[in-house]
C-alpha atoms as a PDB file:
ATOM      1  CA  UNK A   1       6.337 -25.821  -3.920  1.00  0.00           C
ATOM      2  CA  UNK A   2       2.894 -26.519  -2.495  1.00  0.00           C
ATOM      3  CA  UNK A   3      -0.188 -25.346  -4.345  1.00  0.00           C
ATOM      4  CA  UNK A   4      -2.214 -25.317  -1.148  1.00  0.00           C
ATOM      5  CA  UNK A   5      -4.472 -22.264  -1.240  1.00  0.00           C
ATOM      6  CA  UNK A   6      -3.944 -21.529   2.463  1.00  0.00           C
ATOM      7  CA  UNK A   7      -0.242 -21.053   1.678  1.00  0.00           C
ATOM      8  CA  UNK A   8      -0.979 -18.430  -0.973  1.00  0.00           C
ATOM      9  CA  UNK A   9      -3.695 -16.322   0.583  1.00  0.00           C
ATOM     10  CA  UNK A  10      -3.750 -14.475   3.879  1.00  0.00           C
ATOM     11  CA  UNK A  11      -7.032 -15.431   5.542  1.00  0.00           C
ATOM     12  CA  UNK A  12      -5.751 -14.273   8.938  1.00  0.00           C
ATOM     13  CA  UNK A  13      -5.471 -10.660   7.735  1.00  0.00           C
ATOM     14  CA  UNK A  14      -8.755  -8.778   7.376  1.00  0.00           C
ATOM     15  CA  UNK A  15      -9.133  -6.833   4.138  1.00  0.00           C
ATOM     16  CA  UNK A  16     -10.158  -3.632   5.898  1.00  0.00           C
ATOM     17  CA  UNK A  17      -7.617  -3.283   8.648  1.00  0.00           C
ATOM     18  CA  UNK A  18      -8.090  -0.661  11.325  1.00  0.00           C
ATOM     19  CA  UNK A  19      -5.837   2.392  11.024  1.00  0.00           C
ATOM     20  CA  UNK A  20      -4.443   2.230  14.579  1.00  0.00           C
ATOM     21  CA  UNK A  21      -3.645  -1.488  14.290  1.00  0.00           C
ATOM     22  CA  UNK A  22      -1.912  -0.839  10.970  1.00  0.00           C
ATOM     23  CA  UNK A  23       0.224   1.963  12.434  1.00  0.00           C
ATOM     24  CA  UNK A  24       1.141  -0.297  15.382  1.00  0.00           C
ATOM     25  CA  UNK A  25       2.165  -3.055  12.919  1.00  0.00           C
ATOM     26  CA  UNK A  26       4.408  -0.576  11.055  1.00  0.00           C
ATOM     27  CA  UNK A  27       5.918   0.659  14.337  1.00  0.00           C
ATOM     28  CA  UNK A  28       6.673  -2.946  15.304  1.00  0.00           C
ATOM     29  CA  UNK A  29       8.166  -3.766  11.876  1.00  0.00           C
ATOM     30  CA  UNK A  30      10.283  -0.570  11.989  1.00  0.00           C
ATOM     31  CA  UNK A  31      11.579  -1.473  15.438  1.00  0.00           C
ATOM     32  CA  UNK A  32      12.432  -5.020  14.350  1.00  0.00           C
ATOM     33  CA  UNK A  33      14.296  -3.763  11.273  1.00  0.00           C
ATOM     34  CA  UNK A  34      16.051  -0.898  13.080  1.00  0.00           C
ATOM     35  CA  UNK A  35      14.265   1.767  11.007  1.00  0.00           C
ATOM     36  CA  UNK A  36      13.503   5.272  12.254  1.00  0.00           C
ATOM     37  CA  UNK A  37       9.780   5.965  12.078  1.00  0.00           C
ATOM     38  CA  UNK A  38      10.055   9.695  12.790  1.00  0.00           C
ATOM     39  CA  UNK A  39       7.006  11.631  14.064  1.00  0.00           C
ATOM     40  CA  UNK A  40       6.403  13.041  10.550  1.00  0.00           C
ATOM     41  CA  UNK A  41       6.703   9.639   8.858  1.00  0.00           C
ATOM     42  CA  UNK A  42       4.280   8.234  11.422  1.00  0.00           C
ATOM     43  CA  UNK A  43       1.877  11.133  10.890  1.00  0.00           C
ATOM     44  CA  UNK A  44       1.914  10.677   7.086  1.00  0.00           C
ATOM     45  CA  UNK A  45       1.322   6.953   7.638  1.00  0.00           C
ATOM     46  CA  UNK A  46      -1.612   7.675   9.983  1.00  0.00           C
ATOM     47  CA  UNK A  47      -3.174  10.045   7.429  1.00  0.00           C
ATOM     48  CA  UNK A  48      -2.874   7.448   4.645  1.00  0.00           C
ATOM     49  CA  UNK A  49      -4.342   4.730   6.884  1.00  0.00           C
ATOM     50  CA  UNK A  50      -7.215   6.930   8.081  1.00  0.00           C
ATOM     51  CA  UNK A  51      -8.665   7.697   4.629  1.00  0.00           C
ATOM     52  CA  UNK A  52      -9.163   3.980   3.736  1.00  0.00           C
ATOM     53  CA  UNK A  53      -8.678   4.792   0.028  1.00  0.00           C
ATOM     54  CA  UNK A  54      -5.839   6.032  -2.169  1.00  0.00           C
ATOM     55  CA  UNK A  55      -4.703   9.578  -1.391  1.00  0.00           C
ATOM     56  CA  UNK A  56      -2.595  11.924  -3.508  1.00  0.00           C
ATOM     57  CA  UNK A  57       0.565  13.585  -2.151  1.00  0.00           C
ATOM     58  CA  UNK A  58      -0.858  17.109  -2.381  1.00  0.00           C
ATOM     59  CA  UNK A  59      -3.945  16.037  -0.392  1.00  0.00           C
ATOM     60  CA  UNK A  60      -1.603  14.689   2.294  1.00  0.00           C
ATOM     61  CA  UNK A  61       0.242  18.007   2.222  1.00  0.00           C
ATOM     62  CA  UNK A  62      -3.040  19.907   2.682  1.00  0.00           C
ATOM     63  CA  UNK A  63      -3.947  17.709   5.682  1.00  0.00           C
ATOM     64  CA  UNK A  64      -0.497  18.247   7.211  1.00  0.00           C
ATOM     65  CA  UNK A  65      -0.725  22.017   6.691  1.00  0.00           C
ATOM     66  CA  UNK A  66      -3.991  22.054   8.652  1.00  0.00           C
ATOM     67  CA  UNK A  67      -1.953  20.890  11.667  1.00  0.00           C
ATOM     68  CA  UNK A  68       1.459  22.345  10.828  1.00  0.00           C
ATOM     69  CA  UNK A  69       1.106  25.443   8.655  1.00  0.00           C
ATOM     70  CA  UNK A  70       4.660  25.128   7.363  1.00  0.00           C
ATOM     71  CA  UNK A  71       4.672  21.558   5.950  1.00  0.00           C
ATOM     72  CA  UNK A  72       6.785  21.616   2.775  1.00  0.00           C
ATOM     73  CA  UNK A  73       6.368  19.282  -0.234  1.00  0.00           C
ATOM     74  CA  UNK A  74       9.938  17.851  -0.041  1.00  0.00           C
ATOM     75  CA  UNK A  75       9.309  16.813   3.569  1.00  0.00           C
ATOM     76  CA  UNK A  76       6.146  14.935   2.614  1.00  0.00           C
ATOM     77  CA  UNK A  77       7.845  13.283  -0.386  1.00  0.00           C
ATOM     78  CA  UNK A  78      10.771  12.148   1.788  1.00  0.00           C
ATOM     79  CA  UNK A  79       8.323  10.587   4.265  1.00  0.00           C
ATOM     80  CA  UNK A  80       6.441   8.887   1.384  1.00  0.00           C
ATOM     81  CA  UNK A  81       9.747   7.592  -0.071  1.00  0.00           C
ATOM     82  CA  UNK A  82      10.690   6.057   3.292  1.00  0.00           C
ATOM     83  CA  UNK A  83       7.274   4.411   3.653  1.00  0.00           C
ATOM     84  CA  UNK A  84       7.381   3.112   0.054  1.00  0.00           C
ATOM     85  CA  UNK A  85      10.962   1.815   0.235  1.00  0.00           C
ATOM     86  CA  UNK A  86      10.124  -0.166   3.350  1.00  0.00           C
ATOM     87  CA  UNK A  87       6.902  -1.638   1.957  1.00  0.00           C
ATOM     88  CA  UNK A  88       4.562   0.096   4.413  1.00  0.00           C
ATOM     89  CA  UNK A  89       2.539   1.769   1.642  1.00  0.00           C
ATOM     90  CA  UNK A  90       1.992   1.205  -2.077  1.00  0.00           C
ATOM     91  CA  UNK A  91       1.977   3.788  -4.849  1.00  0.00           C
ATOM     92  CA  UNK A  92      -0.727   3.329  -7.465  1.00  0.00           C
ATOM     93  CA  UNK A  93       0.993   4.859 -10.475  1.00  0.00           C
ATOM     94  CA  UNK A  94      -2.067   4.962 -12.731  1.00  0.00           C
ATOM     95  CA  UNK A  95      -3.871   7.331 -10.351  1.00  0.00           C
ATOM     96  CA  UNK A  96      -0.720   8.801  -8.738  1.00  0.00           C
ATOM     97  CA  UNK A  97      -1.929   8.039  -5.219  1.00  0.00           C
ATOM     98  CA  UNK A  98      -0.770   6.191  -2.121  1.00  0.00           C
ATOM     99  CA  UNK A  99      -2.493   3.469  -0.110  1.00  0.00           C
ATOM    100  CA  UNK A 100      -1.548   1.626   3.070  1.00  0.00           C
ATOM    101  CA  UNK A 101      -0.253  -1.930   2.756  1.00  0.00           C
ATOM    102  CA  UNK A 102      -2.245  -4.810   4.250  1.00  0.00           C
ATOM    103  CA  UNK A 103       0.911  -6.723   5.187  1.00  0.00           C
ATOM    104  CA  UNK A 104       3.479  -4.134   6.322  1.00  0.00           C
ATOM    105  CA  UNK A 105       5.713  -6.749   7.946  1.00  0.00           C
ATOM    106  CA  UNK A 106       6.410  -8.752   4.771  1.00  0.00           C
ATOM    107  CA  UNK A 107       7.833  -7.864   1.366  1.00  0.00           C
ATOM    108  CA  UNK A 108       5.342  -8.743  -1.347  1.00  0.00           C
ATOM    109  CA  UNK A 109       3.974  -7.684  -4.733  1.00  0.00           C
ATOM    110  CA  UNK A 110       0.240  -7.271  -4.999  1.00  0.00           C
ATOM    111  CA  UNK A 111      -2.457  -6.525  -7.508  1.00  0.00           C
ATOM    112  CA  UNK A 112      -4.971  -3.775  -6.784  1.00  0.00           C
ATOM    113  CA  UNK A 113      -8.523  -3.514  -8.061  1.00  0.00           C
ATOM    114  CA  UNK A 114      -9.138   0.225  -8.532  1.00  0.00           C
ATOM    115  CA  UNK A 115     -12.665   1.582  -8.927  1.00  0.00           C
ATOM    116  CA  UNK A 116     -12.852   4.360 -11.518  1.00  0.00           C
ATOM    117  CA  UNK A 117     -16.092   5.638  -9.967  1.00  0.00           C
ATOM    118  CA  UNK A 118     -15.313   5.989  -6.234  1.00  0.00           C
ATOM    119  CA  UNK A 119     -11.484   5.654  -6.382  1.00  0.00           C
ATOM    120  CA  UNK A 120     -11.419   2.805  -3.861  1.00  0.00           C
ATOM    121  CA  UNK A 121      -8.536   0.339  -4.165  1.00  0.00           C
ATOM    122  CA  UNK A 122      -8.799  -3.238  -2.949  1.00  0.00           C
ATOM    123  CA  UNK A 123      -5.562  -5.139  -2.354  1.00  0.00           C
ATOM    124  CA  UNK A 124      -5.830  -8.699  -3.702  1.00  0.00           C
ATOM    125  CA  UNK A 125      -4.139 -10.863  -1.065  1.00  0.00           C
ATOM    126  CA  UNK A 126      -3.264 -13.904  -3.143  1.00  0.00           C
ATOM    127  CA  UNK A 127       0.409 -14.643  -3.781  1.00  0.00           C
ATOM    128  CA  UNK A 128      -0.394 -16.853  -6.785  1.00  0.00           C
ATOM    129  CA  UNK A 129      -0.796 -13.755  -8.980  1.00  0.00           C
ATOM    130  CA  UNK A 130       2.698 -12.460  -8.152  1.00  0.00           C
ATOM    131  CA  UNK A 131       4.148 -15.987  -8.446  1.00  0.00           C
ATOM    132  CA  UNK A 132       2.619 -16.373 -11.902  1.00  0.00           C
ATOM    133  CA  UNK A 133       4.042 -13.039 -13.094  1.00  0.00           C
ATOM    134  CA  UNK A 134       7.470 -13.881 -11.667  1.00  0.00           C
ATOM    135  CA  UNK A 135       7.429 -17.322 -13.317  1.00  0.00           C
ATOM    136  CA  UNK A 136       6.468 -15.816 -16.699  1.00  0.00           C
ATOM    137  CA  UNK A 137       9.181 -13.171 -16.347  1.00  0.00           C
ATOM    138  CA  UNK A 138      11.782 -15.805 -15.459  1.00  0.00           C
ATOM    139  CA  UNK A 139      10.752 -17.929 -18.453  1.00  0.00           C
ATOM    140  CA  UNK A 140      11.456 -14.911 -20.666  1.00  0.00           C
ATOM    141  CA  UNK A 141      14.776 -14.224 -18.917  1.00  0.00           C
ATOM    142  CA  UNK A 142      13.363 -11.016 -17.421  1.00  0.00           C
ATOM    143  CA  UNK A 143      14.172  -9.994 -13.865  1.00  0.00           C
ATOM    144  CA  UNK A 144      11.442  -7.713 -12.444  1.00  0.00           C
ATOM    145  CA  UNK A 145      12.539  -4.996 -10.005  1.00  0.00           C
ATOM    146  CA  UNK A 146       9.139  -3.814  -8.827  1.00  0.00           C
ATOM    147  CA  UNK A 147       5.589  -4.488  -9.780  1.00  0.00           C
ATOM    148  CA  UNK A 148       2.216  -3.217  -8.747  1.00  0.00           C
ATOM    149  CA  UNK A 149      -0.479  -4.634 -10.953  1.00  0.00           C
ATOM    150  CA  UNK A 150      -3.354  -2.156 -11.233  1.00  0.00           C
ATOM    151  CA  UNK A 151      -6.679  -3.364 -12.563  1.00  0.00           C
ATOM    152  CA  UNK A 152      -9.273  -0.657 -13.278  1.00  0.00           C
ATOM    153  CA  UNK A 153     -13.028  -1.124 -13.297  1.00  0.00           C
ATOM    154  CA  UNK A 154     -16.109  -0.612 -11.126  1.00  0.00           C
ATOM    155  CA  UNK A 155     -16.431  -1.929  -7.566  1.00  0.00           C
ATOM    156  CA  UNK A 156     -19.421  -3.875  -6.224  1.00  0.00           C
ATOM    157  CA  UNK A 157     -20.852  -0.851  -4.363  1.00  0.00           C
ATOM    158  CA  UNK A 158     -20.734   1.442  -7.412  1.00  0.00           C
ATOM    159  CA  UNK A 159     -22.184  -1.283  -9.657  1.00  0.00           C
ATOM    160  CA  UNK A 160     -25.149  -1.571  -7.276  1.00  0.00           C
ATOM    161  CA  UNK A 161     -25.746   2.201  -7.198  1.00  0.00           C
END
């Protein structure tokens, strides 16, 4: 395996992707994989993409109820489950919130840097971190099912303030 940095990072993907481009990428990936991106799933995805920071399920529900007064929690959770299962969004367990994925077309495990001041979450696009964790797990005979590494601290903007 090559240790060429260009192989591990994703320089062609901007860190702050635009919401519409992200939704188009998910639509394309869904089409290619034969998945049904229903209007509600797409709307939940658009809401997550538009906020540019992690959002909690009940905040999504509130936003949906502004448009559709009858949006029910199970409906939102089913949409979130679909988006999670297909790698279009990530769930940050430590803050119980959802964030759009920078690479919706490819399966990957990523670390997030979560600011405890402003609640922003930056996806670290470097496969070496996941590869290192997987190698350590394999050395211990452990087979990971899912991983989202969440690192808490203070972002550059909040440190400046």
